[in-house]
């Protein structure tokens, strides 16, 4: 699908594309550059993807708060 770049540098997204993304006029998208490819997603989708990535890095028994506290205690001990 072609997207027009206006003289002021703004992108003109076709209505069909905005509808597929659920974006209204004046809405927001998140743009990500991957090499020479621009990916557009909704902020909600971007947040969901970040959450999924974070959850994939956790082990089943991991407690992020406990790990942070343990790290800080170890740093304090090393500084003494």
Protein backbone atom coordinates (compact mmCIF):
# COMPACT_ATOMS: atom_id res chain seq x y z
CA UNK A 1 0.00 0.00 0.00
CA UNK A 2 1.39 3.39 -0.93
CA UNK A 3 1.57 6.12 1.69
CA UNK A 4 1.92 9.71 0.55
CA UNK A 5 4.51 12.01 2.13
CA UNK A 6 3.18 15.57 2.19
CA UNK A 7 5.41 18.60 1.52
CA UNK A 8 5.64 19.27 5.28
CA UNK A 9 6.95 15.73 5.86
CA UNK A 10 3.76 14.27 7.29
CA UNK A 11 2.55 10.87 6.19
CA UNK A 12 -0.93 10.46 4.80
CA UNK A 13 -2.25 7.03 5.82
CA UNK A 14 -5.16 5.68 3.78
CA UNK A 15 -8.48 5.31 5.60
CA UNK A 16 -8.44 1.54 5.09
CA UNK A 17 -5.09 1.26 6.88
CA UNK A 18 -6.23 3.48 9.75
CA UNK A 19 -9.38 1.38 10.12
CA UNK A 20 -7.37 -1.86 10.25
CA UNK A 21 -5.25 -0.37 13.04
CA UNK A 22 -8.25 1.16 14.81
CA UNK A 23 -6.74 4.64 14.60
CA UNK A 24 -8.95 7.70 14.36
CA UNK A 25 -7.92 11.07 12.94
CA UNK A 26 -5.61 12.71 15.43
CA UNK A 27 -4.73 9.34 16.97
CA UNK A 28 -1.25 8.06 17.64
CA UNK A 29 0.96 5.31 16.25
CA UNK A 30 4.37 4.06 17.35
CA UNK A 31 6.98 4.05 14.57
CA UNK A 32 9.96 1.71 14.70
CA UNK A 33 12.81 1.66 12.23
CA UNK A 34 14.14 -1.84 11.47
CA UNK A 35 16.94 -1.43 8.96
CA UNK A 36 15.25 0.29 6.05
CA UNK A 37 11.74 -0.81 7.08
CA UNK A 38 9.37 1.40 9.09
CA UNK A 39 6.92 -0.52 11.29
CA UNK A 40 3.79 1.23 12.56
CA UNK A 41 1.85 -0.15 15.51
CA UNK A 42 -0.66 1.18 17.98
CA UNK A 43 0.60 2.22 21.42
CA UNK A 44 -1.48 -0.58 23.00
CA UNK A 45 0.09 -3.21 20.74
CA UNK A 46 3.56 -1.84 21.43
CA UNK A 47 2.93 -2.04 25.18
CA UNK A 48 1.57 -5.59 24.86
CA UNK A 49 4.68 -6.63 22.89
CA UNK A 50 6.98 -5.10 25.52
CA UNK A 51 5.10 -6.90 28.30
CA UNK A 52 5.31 -10.22 26.45
CA UNK A 53 9.05 -9.77 25.96
CA UNK A 54 9.52 -8.94 29.65
CA UNK A 55 7.47 -11.98 30.73
CA UNK A 56 9.47 -14.24 28.41
CA UNK A 57 12.67 -13.24 30.22
CA UNK A 58 11.34 -14.18 33.66
CA UNK A 59 11.66 -17.65 35.12
CA UNK A 60 8.63 -19.22 36.75
CA UNK A 61 10.00 -18.64 40.24
CA UNK A 62 11.46 -15.19 39.59
CA UNK A 63 10.46 -12.23 41.71
CA UNK A 64 11.74 -9.03 40.16
CA UNK A 65 11.40 -7.14 43.44
CA UNK A 66 13.36 -9.81 45.33
CA UNK A 67 16.10 -9.78 42.66
CA UNK A 68 16.42 -5.98 42.80
CA UNK A 69 16.60 -6.01 46.60
CA UNK A 70 19.23 -8.77 46.55
CA UNK A 71 21.29 -6.85 43.96
CA UNK A 72 21.16 -3.66 46.03
CA UNK A 73 22.19 -5.52 49.19
CA UNK A 74 25.12 -7.11 47.35
CA UNK A 75 26.18 -3.71 46.03
CA UNK A 76 25.99 -2.22 49.54
CA UNK A 77 28.13 -5.05 50.92
CA UNK A 78 30.69 -4.59 48.14
CA UNK A 79 30.91 -0.85 48.89
CA UNK A 80 31.79 -1.45 52.57
